[in-house]
Amino acid sequence: MTGSNLPVMSIQEWRQLLNDTQALLHSPKKHHRELLHHAYALRDMHAVDSGTLADMLELADEALMYAHSVQADQQW
């Protein structure tokens, strides 16, 4: 998953990306994919261990579920 041209970011930058609600709600799938790519890149750089990677992936999935929930609420 790290074969993209995305720049390598720090864990703090990843958390900022995770908390970017505006970008998440604008394009949930793209934002989720970006979170996953960066999380795997951090793992490949040995900046995070497998447990931290699992937590990051879970947070990314929860963000995607949140975005879908907000979008569903807006349709009502």
Protein backbone atom coordinates (compact mmCIF):
# COMPACT_ATOMS: atom_id res chain seq x y z
CA MET A 1 0.00 0.00 0.00
CA THR A 2 2.93 2.35 0.27
CA GLY A 3 3.66 2.55 -3.43
CA SER A 4 1.90 5.90 -3.70
CA ASN A 5 3.53 9.28 -4.13
CA LEU A 6 2.20 10.56 -0.81
CA PRO A 7 4.84 12.30 1.30
CA VAL A 8 5.84 10.56 4.51
CA MET A 9 4.24 12.16 7.52
CA SER A 10 4.80 11.99 11.26
CA ILE A 11 2.41 10.35 13.70
CA GLN A 12 1.34 13.82 14.84
CA GLU A 13 0.56 14.80 11.24
CA TRP A 14 -1.40 11.56 10.84
CA ARG A 15 -3.49 12.47 13.89
CA GLN A 16 -4.14 15.92 12.40
CA LEU A 17 -5.30 14.25 9.19
CA LEU A 18 -7.53 11.95 11.22
CA ASN A 19 -9.08 14.97 12.94
CA ASP A 20 -9.69 16.87 9.68
CA THR A 21 -13.46 16.52 9.82
CA GLN A 22 -14.07 18.85 6.89
CA ALA A 23 -11.94 16.74 4.53
CA LEU A 24 -13.45 13.55 5.93
CA LEU A 25 -17.01 14.68 5.32
CA HIS A 26 -16.19 16.11 1.88
CA SER A 27 -14.73 12.85 0.57
CA PRO A 28 -14.98 10.00 3.11
CA LYS A 29 -13.57 7.17 0.98
CA LYS A 30 -10.64 9.22 -0.29
CA HIS A 31 -9.84 10.47 3.22
CA HIS A 32 -10.04 6.94 4.63
CA ARG A 33 -7.75 5.62 1.90
CA GLU A 34 -5.24 8.40 2.63
CA LEU A 35 -5.29 7.56 6.35
CA LEU A 36 -4.62 3.90 5.55
CA HIS A 37 -1.77 4.66 3.15
CA HIS A 38 -0.04 6.90 5.67
CA ALA A 39 -0.56 4.44 8.53
CA TYR A 40 1.06 1.64 6.53
CA ALA A 41 3.89 3.98 5.48
CA LEU A 42 4.59 4.76 9.13
CA ARG A 43 4.67 1.04 9.88
CA ASP A 44 7.01 0.40 6.96
CA MET A 45 9.35 3.12 8.28
CA HIS A 46 9.26 1.39 11.69
CA ALA A 47 7.79 4.56 13.22
CA VAL A 48 4.95 2.50 14.70
CA ASP A 49 4.68 -1.12 15.79
CA SER A 50 1.98 -3.56 14.76
CA GLY A 51 -0.20 -2.76 17.78
CA THR A 52 -0.13 0.96 17.04
CA LEU A 53 -0.83 0.25 13.37
CA ALA A 54 -3.88 -1.78 14.37
CA ASP A 55 -5.11 1.14 16.51
CA MET A 56 -4.55 3.57 13.63
CA LEU A 57 -6.46 1.36 11.20
CA GLU A 58 -9.32 1.05 13.67
CA LEU A 59 -9.45 4.83 14.11
CA ALA A 60 -9.48 5.31 10.34
CA ASP A 61 -12.37 2.84 10.02
CA GLU A 62 -14.28 4.59 12.81
CA ALA A 63 -13.78 7.94 11.05
CA LEU A 64 -15.23 6.47 7.86
CA MET A 65 -18.23 5.08 9.75
CA TYR A 66 -18.74 8.48 11.38
CA ALA A 67 -18.71 10.22 7.99
CA HIS A 68 -21.25 7.78 6.58
CA SER A 69 -23.43 8.29 9.65
CA VAL A 70 -23.34 12.08 9.27
CA GLN A 71 -24.16 11.81 5.57
CA ALA A 72 -27.09 9.49 6.30
CA ASP A 73 -28.42 11.92 8.92
CA GLN A 74 -28.20 14.80 6.43
CA GLN A 75 -30.36 12.89 3.96
CA TRP A 76 -33.27 12.84 6.41
